């Protein structure tokens, strides 16, 4: 991304977070968190990554896709752009993967500790 598309992405991220928190009335969307926005260099398309507290949900994905026109319209009122990028929503699995890896590391550390505690016990 060039500087302009990066600035536009940051502004879209900020504005979408506010719109979802304050303006959205669709109960299917619930507690969506925008984790990242990437805008193409021609400012035609924006990929919006989101996360959910409850994990991935096809219903939420469908609701966001359905709301894309409304969200784009709201963005056009808040941003000074000739044309607001078309929004494409993508579930961000990185947080789930990170939590899973952290859990695996914790399990490995615990198993290693149990193994070494067993070796240190006096034989007798």
N, C-alpha and C. Protein backbone atom coordinates (compact mmCIF):
# COMPACT_ATOMS: atom_id res chain seq x y z
N UNK A 1 0.84 -1.19 0.00
CA UNK A 1 0.00 0.00 0.00
C UNK A 1 0.88 1.25 0.00
N UNK A 2 0.47 2.23 -0.77
CA UNK A 2 1.18 3.50 -0.74
C UNK A 2 0.65 4.34 0.43
N UNK A 3 1.24 5.51 0.65
CA UNK A 3 0.86 6.33 1.80
C UNK A 3 -0.60 6.75 1.76
N UNK A 4 -1.07 7.13 0.59
CA UNK A 4 -2.47 7.57 0.48
C UNK A 4 -3.43 6.43 0.82
N UNK A 5 -3.22 5.26 0.24
CA UNK A 5 -4.13 4.15 0.53
C UNK A 5 -4.01 3.72 1.99
N UNK A 6 -2.83 3.86 2.58
CA UNK A 6 -2.66 3.54 4.01
C UNK A 6 -3.47 4.51 4.87
N UNK A 7 -3.42 5.80 4.53
CA UNK A 7 -4.19 6.80 5.29
C UNK A 7 -5.69 6.56 5.13
N UNK A 8 -6.12 6.24 3.91
CA UNK A 8 -7.53 5.96 3.66
C UNK A 8 -7.94 4.72 4.45
N UNK A 9 -7.10 3.69 4.46
CA UNK A 9 -7.39 2.46 5.21
C UNK A 9 -7.55 2.76 6.70
N UNK A 10 -6.65 3.59 7.24
CA UNK A 10 -6.74 3.96 8.66
C UNK A 10 -8.03 4.71 8.95
N UNK A 11 -8.41 5.61 8.06
CA UNK A 11 -9.63 6.37 8.28
C UNK A 11 -10.86 5.47 8.16
N UNK A 12 -10.86 4.55 7.19
CA UNK A 12 -11.98 3.61 7.05
C UNK A 12 -12.08 2.76 8.31
N UNK A 13 -10.94 2.30 8.81
CA UNK A 13 -10.92 1.49 10.04
C UNK A 13 -11.58 2.26 11.19
N UNK A 14 -11.16 3.50 11.37
CA UNK A 14 -11.69 4.34 12.44
C UNK A 14 -13.20 4.57 12.26
N UNK A 15 -13.59 4.95 11.07
CA UNK A 15 -15.00 5.28 10.82
C UNK A 15 -15.89 4.05 10.90
N UNK A 16 -15.45 2.92 10.34
CA UNK A 16 -16.26 1.70 10.41
C UNK A 16 -16.46 1.25 11.85
N UNK A 17 -15.40 1.36 12.65
CA UNK A 17 -15.52 1.00 14.07
C UNK A 17 -16.61 1.84 14.73
N UNK A 18 -16.61 3.13 14.45
CA UNK A 18 -17.61 4.03 15.02
C UNK A 18 -19.01 3.72 14.49
N UNK A 19 -19.13 3.50 13.19
CA UNK A 19 -20.44 3.22 12.59
C UNK A 19 -21.00 1.92 13.16
N UNK A 20 -20.18 0.88 13.23
CA UNK A 20 -20.67 -0.40 13.75
C UNK A 20 -21.10 -0.28 15.20
N UNK A 21 -20.39 0.53 15.97
CA UNK A 21 -20.71 0.68 17.38
C UNK A 21 -21.97 1.52 17.59
N UNK A 22 -22.13 2.59 16.79
CA UNK A 22 -23.19 3.55 17.05
C UNK A 22 -24.40 3.47 16.13
N UNK A 23 -24.19 3.08 14.87
CA UNK A 23 -25.25 3.21 13.87
C UNK A 23 -25.94 1.89 13.50
N UNK A 24 -25.24 0.79 13.62
CA UNK A 24 -25.80 -0.48 13.15
C UNK A 24 -26.92 -0.97 14.07
N UNK A 25 -28.02 -1.34 13.45
CA UNK A 25 -29.18 -1.82 14.21
C UNK A 25 -29.39 -3.32 14.04
N UNK A 26 -28.61 -3.95 13.16
CA UNK A 26 -28.78 -5.38 12.88
C UNK A 26 -28.25 -6.20 14.05
N UNK A 27 -29.12 -6.92 14.76
CA UNK A 27 -28.66 -7.70 15.92
C UNK A 27 -27.73 -8.86 15.56
N UNK A 28 -27.72 -9.29 14.29
CA UNK A 28 -26.84 -10.38 13.88
C UNK A 28 -25.38 -9.97 13.95
N UNK A 29 -25.12 -8.68 13.78
CA UNK A 29 -23.73 -8.22 13.75
C UNK A 29 -23.12 -8.18 15.14
N UNK A 30 -23.87 -7.79 16.14
CA UNK A 30 -23.41 -7.87 17.52
C UNK A 30 -22.09 -7.16 17.78
N UNK A 31 -21.14 -7.87 18.40
CA UNK A 31 -19.87 -7.27 18.81
C UNK A 31 -18.77 -7.60 17.81
N UNK A 32 -18.83 -6.96 16.67
CA UNK A 32 -17.80 -7.13 15.65
C UNK A 32 -16.67 -6.15 15.94
N UNK A 33 -15.45 -6.62 15.83
CA UNK A 33 -14.28 -5.76 15.98
C UNK A 33 -13.53 -5.74 14.66
N UNK A 34 -13.28 -4.55 14.15
CA UNK A 34 -12.50 -4.41 12.93
C UNK A 34 -11.03 -4.53 13.32
N UNK A 35 -10.34 -5.53 12.78
CA UNK A 35 -8.94 -5.74 13.15
C UNK A 35 -7.98 -5.10 12.16
N UNK A 36 -8.38 -4.97 10.90
CA UNK A 36 -7.50 -4.36 9.90
C UNK A 36 -8.30 -3.98 8.66
N UNK A 37 -7.77 -3.02 7.92
CA UNK A 37 -8.35 -2.61 6.64
C UNK A 37 -7.20 -2.46 5.66
N UNK A 38 -7.37 -3.00 4.47
CA UNK A 38 -6.37 -2.84 3.41
C UNK A 38 -7.08 -2.30 2.18
N UNK A 39 -6.56 -1.20 1.65
CA UNK A 39 -7.16 -0.54 0.50
C UNK A 39 -6.22 -0.68 -0.70
N UNK A 40 -6.78 -0.98 -1.85
CA UNK A 40 -5.96 -1.08 -3.05
C UNK A 40 -5.41 0.30 -3.41
N UNK A 41 -4.33 0.32 -4.17
CA UNK A 41 -3.67 1.59 -4.50
C UNK A 41 -4.57 2.51 -5.33
N UNK A 42 -5.51 1.95 -6.08
CA UNK A 42 -6.43 2.79 -6.86
C UNK A 42 -7.65 3.23 -6.05
N UNK A 43 -7.71 2.84 -4.78
CA UNK A 43 -8.78 3.21 -3.84
C UNK A 43 -10.15 2.69 -4.28
N UNK A 44 -10.17 1.65 -5.10
CA UNK A 44 -11.44 1.10 -5.57
C UNK A 44 -12.02 0.06 -4.62
N UNK A 45 -11.15 -0.69 -3.95
CA UNK A 45 -11.59 -1.79 -3.10
C UNK A 45 -10.90 -1.74 -1.75
N UNK A 46 -11.65 -2.13 -0.72
CA UNK A 46 -11.09 -2.22 0.63
C UNK A 46 -11.46 -3.58 1.20
N UNK A 47 -10.45 -4.29 1.69
CA UNK A 47 -10.68 -5.54 2.37
C UNK A 47 -10.68 -5.23 3.86
N UNK A 48 -11.76 -5.61 4.54
CA UNK A 48 -11.94 -5.30 5.95
C UNK A 48 -11.91 -6.61 6.73
N UNK A 49 -10.90 -6.77 7.60
CA UNK A 49 -10.82 -7.96 8.44
C UNK A 49 -11.50 -7.66 9.76
N UNK A 50 -12.29 -8.64 10.22
CA UNK A 50 -13.02 -8.46 11.47
C UNK A 50 -12.90 -9.71 12.33
N UNK A 51 -13.13 -9.53 13.63
CA UNK A 51 -13.15 -10.64 14.57
C UNK A 51 -14.44 -10.57 15.38
N UNK A 52 -14.74 -11.68 16.03
CA UNK A 52 -15.92 -11.78 16.88
C UNK A 52 -15.53 -12.39 18.21
N UNK A 53 -16.25 -12.04 19.25
CA UNK A 53 -15.98 -12.62 20.56
C UNK A 53 -16.27 -14.12 20.56
N UNK A 54 -17.29 -14.53 19.81
CA UNK A 54 -17.74 -15.92 19.83
C UNK A 54 -17.13 -16.79 18.74
N UNK A 55 -16.19 -16.28 17.99
CA UNK A 55 -15.60 -17.04 16.89
C UNK A 55 -16.36 -16.79 15.60
N UNK A 56 -15.90 -17.42 14.54
CA UNK A 56 -16.44 -17.19 13.21
C UNK A 56 -17.91 -17.58 13.13
N UNK A 57 -18.70 -16.79 12.41
CA UNK A 57 -20.12 -17.03 12.26
C UNK A 57 -20.55 -16.71 10.83
N UNK A 58 -21.08 -17.72 10.11
CA UNK A 58 -21.57 -17.45 8.76
C UNK A 58 -22.70 -16.41 8.75
N UNK A 59 -23.49 -16.39 9.81
CA UNK A 59 -24.59 -15.43 9.90
C UNK A 59 -24.08 -14.00 9.96
N UNK A 60 -23.02 -13.77 10.72
CA UNK A 60 -22.44 -12.43 10.83
C UNK A 60 -21.80 -12.04 9.50
N UNK A 61 -21.11 -12.98 8.87
CA UNK A 61 -20.49 -12.71 7.56
C UNK A 61 -21.56 -12.29 6.55
N UNK A 62 -22.67 -12.98 6.57
CA UNK A 62 -23.78 -12.66 5.65
C UNK A 62 -24.35 -11.27 5.98
N UNK A 63 -24.51 -10.97 7.27
CA UNK A 63 -25.06 -9.68 7.68
C UNK A 63 -24.12 -8.53 7.28
N UNK A 64 -22.81 -8.73 7.45
CA UNK A 64 -21.85 -7.68 7.05
C UNK A 64 -21.87 -7.48 5.54
N UNK A 65 -21.94 -8.57 4.79
CA UNK A 65 -22.03 -8.45 3.35
C UNK A 65 -23.28 -7.71 2.93
N UNK A 66 -24.38 -7.99 3.61
CA UNK A 66 -25.65 -7.32 3.32
C UNK A 66 -25.58 -5.83 3.68
N UNK A 67 -24.85 -5.50 4.75
CA UNK A 67 -24.75 -4.12 5.23
C UNK A 67 -23.68 -3.31 4.51
N UNK A 68 -22.92 -3.93 3.62
CA UNK A 68 -21.79 -3.25 2.96
C UNK A 68 -22.23 -1.97 2.26
N UNK A 69 -23.37 -1.99 1.60
CA UNK A 69 -23.86 -0.78 0.92
C UNK A 69 -24.17 0.34 1.89
N UNK A 70 -24.85 0.00 2.98
CA UNK A 70 -25.15 0.99 4.02
C UNK A 70 -23.86 1.55 4.61
N UNK A 71 -22.91 0.66 4.92
CA UNK A 71 -21.64 1.10 5.52
C UNK A 71 -20.87 2.00 4.56
N UNK A 72 -20.87 1.66 3.30
CA UNK A 72 -20.19 2.48 2.29
C UNK A 72 -20.85 3.85 2.18
N UNK A 73 -22.17 3.87 2.23
CA UNK A 73 -22.91 5.13 2.19
C UNK A 73 -22.57 6.00 3.41
N UNK A 74 -22.51 5.39 4.58
CA UNK A 74 -22.13 6.13 5.79
C UNK A 74 -20.70 6.66 5.68
N UNK A 75 -19.81 5.84 5.14
CA UNK A 75 -18.42 6.28 4.96
C UNK A 75 -18.35 7.48 4.02
N UNK A 76 -19.18 7.46 2.96
CA UNK A 76 -19.14 8.56 1.99
C UNK A 76 -19.55 9.89 2.63
N UNK A 77 -20.40 9.82 3.66
CA UNK A 77 -20.80 11.05 4.35
C UNK A 77 -19.73 11.54 5.31
N UNK A 78 -18.87 10.64 5.76
CA UNK A 78 -17.87 10.99 6.77
C UNK A 78 -16.49 11.28 6.19
N UNK A 79 -16.23 10.81 4.99
CA UNK A 79 -14.89 10.93 4.41
C UNK A 79 -14.90 11.84 3.20
N UNK A 80 -13.79 12.51 2.98
CA UNK A 80 -13.66 13.41 1.83
C UNK A 80 -12.97 12.65 0.69
N UNK A 81 -13.73 11.80 0.05
CA UNK A 81 -13.21 11.03 -1.09
C UNK A 81 -14.17 11.18 -2.26
N UNK A 82 -13.61 11.19 -3.45
CA UNK A 82 -14.44 11.24 -4.64
C UNK A 82 -15.30 9.98 -4.72
N UNK A 83 -14.69 8.86 -4.39
CA UNK A 83 -15.40 7.58 -4.42
C UNK A 83 -14.92 6.73 -3.26
N UNK A 84 -15.85 6.21 -2.48
CA UNK A 84 -15.50 5.35 -1.35
C UNK A 84 -15.26 3.94 -1.88
N UNK A 85 -14.20 3.29 -1.41
CA UNK A 85 -13.91 1.93 -1.90
C UNK A 85 -15.05 0.95 -1.61
N UNK A 86 -15.19 -0.04 -2.49
CA UNK A 86 -16.14 -1.13 -2.26
C UNK A 86 -15.60 -1.98 -1.12
N UNK A 87 -16.46 -2.35 -0.19
CA UNK A 87 -16.04 -3.08 0.99
C UNK A 87 -16.23 -4.58 0.82
N UNK A 88 -15.20 -5.33 1.19
CA UNK A 88 -15.27 -6.79 1.21
C UNK A 88 -14.83 -7.22 2.61
N UNK A 89 -15.69 -7.95 3.30
CA UNK A 89 -15.40 -8.36 4.68
C UNK A 89 -14.80 -9.76 4.70
N UNK A 90 -13.78 -9.91 5.55
CA UNK A 90 -13.06 -11.18 5.67
C UNK A 90 -12.85 -11.46 7.16
N UNK A 91 -13.26 -12.64 7.62
CA UNK A 91 -13.06 -12.99 9.02
C UNK A 91 -11.57 -13.16 9.29
N UNK A 92 -11.09 -12.56 10.36
CA UNK A 92 -9.67 -12.60 10.73
C UNK A 92 -9.43 -13.76 11.70
N UNK A 93 -8.79 -14.79 11.20
CA UNK A 93 -8.54 -15.98 12.02
C UNK A 93 -7.24 -15.87 12.81
N UNK A 94 -6.48 -14.81 12.63
CA UNK A 94 -5.17 -14.70 13.27
C UNK A 94 -5.27 -14.70 14.80
N UNK A 95 -6.29 -14.09 15.35
CA UNK A 95 -6.43 -14.05 16.81
C UNK A 95 -6.74 -15.44 17.35
N UNK A 96 -7.61 -16.17 16.66
CA UNK A 96 -7.89 -17.55 17.07
C UNK A 96 -6.65 -18.42 16.97
N UNK A 97 -5.90 -18.26 15.88
CA UNK A 97 -4.66 -19.03 15.71
C UNK A 97 -3.66 -18.69 16.81
N UNK A 98 -3.55 -17.42 17.13
CA UNK A 98 -2.65 -17.01 18.20
C UNK A 98 -3.05 -17.59 19.55
N UNK A 99 -4.35 -17.57 19.84
CA UNK A 99 -4.83 -18.15 21.10
C UNK A 99 -4.58 -19.65 21.13
N UNK A 100 -4.79 -20.31 20.00
CA UNK A 100 -4.55 -21.75 19.92
C UNK A 100 -3.06 -22.06 20.12
N UNK A 101 -2.19 -21.30 19.46
CA UNK A 101 -0.74 -21.51 19.63
C UNK A 101 -0.32 -21.26 21.08
N UNK A 102 -0.88 -20.23 21.70
CA UNK A 102 -0.57 -19.94 23.10
C UNK A 102 -1.00 -21.10 24.00
N UNK A 103 -2.16 -21.66 23.71
CA UNK A 103 -2.64 -22.81 24.48
C UNK A 103 -1.71 -24.01 24.30
N UNK A 104 -1.27 -24.26 23.07
CA UNK A 104 -0.35 -25.37 22.81
C UNK A 104 0.98 -25.16 23.54
N UNK A 105 1.48 -23.94 23.55
CA UNK A 105 2.73 -23.63 24.26
C UNK A 105 2.55 -23.88 25.76
N UNK A 106 1.43 -23.40 26.31
CA UNK A 106 1.17 -23.62 27.73
C UNK A 106 1.11 -25.11 28.07
N UNK A 107 0.47 -25.89 27.20
CA UNK A 107 0.39 -27.34 27.43
C UNK A 107 1.78 -27.98 27.36
N UNK A 108 2.59 -27.54 26.40
CA UNK A 108 3.94 -28.10 26.27
C UNK A 108 4.79 -27.75 27.48
N UNK A 109 4.69 -26.52 27.97
CA UNK A 109 5.45 -26.11 29.15
C UNK A 109 5.01 -26.93 30.36
N UNK A 110 3.72 -27.13 30.51
CA UNK A 110 3.20 -27.92 31.64
C UNK A 110 3.66 -29.37 31.55
N UNK A 111 3.62 -29.93 30.36
CA UNK A 111 4.07 -31.31 30.17
C UNK A 111 5.56 -31.43 30.45
N UNK A 112 6.34 -30.45 30.00
CA UNK A 112 7.78 -30.45 30.25
C UNK A 112 8.06 -30.35 31.76
N UNK A 113 7.30 -29.51 32.43
CA UNK A 113 7.47 -29.35 33.88
C UNK A 113 7.15 -30.65 34.60
N UNK A 114 6.06 -31.30 34.22
CA UNK A 114 5.70 -32.59 34.84
C UNK A 114 6.77 -33.63 34.57
N UNK A 115 7.30 -33.64 33.36
CA UNK A 115 8.34 -34.61 33.00
C UNK A 115 9.59 -34.41 33.86
N UNK A 116 10.01 -33.14 33.99
CA UNK A 116 11.22 -32.85 34.75
C UNK A 116 11.01 -33.02 36.25
N UNK A 117 9.81 -32.75 36.74
CA UNK A 117 9.51 -32.98 38.15
C UNK A 117 9.59 -34.48 38.46
N UNK A 118 9.17 -35.29 37.53
CA UNK A 118 9.24 -36.75 37.69
C UNK A 118 10.68 -37.24 37.71
N UNK A 119 11.57 -36.64 36.90
CA UNK A 119 12.98 -37.04 36.86
C UNK A 119 13.73 -36.66 38.11
N UNK A 120 13.31 -35.56 38.75
CA UNK A 120 14.03 -35.08 39.94
C UNK A 120 13.64 -35.80 41.21
N UNK A 121 12.60 -36.60 41.15
CA UNK A 121 12.14 -37.31 42.36
C UNK A 121 13.19 -38.35 42.76
N UNK A 122 13.45 -38.49 44.06
CA UNK A 122 14.44 -39.45 44.52
C UNK A 122 14.04 -40.88 44.21
N UNK A 123 14.98 -41.65 43.80
CA UNK A 123 14.75 -43.07 43.51
C UNK A 123 14.99 -43.85 44.79
N UNK A 124 14.12 -44.81 45.07
CA UNK A 124 14.45 -45.41 46.26
C UNK A 124 14.01 -46.58 46.79
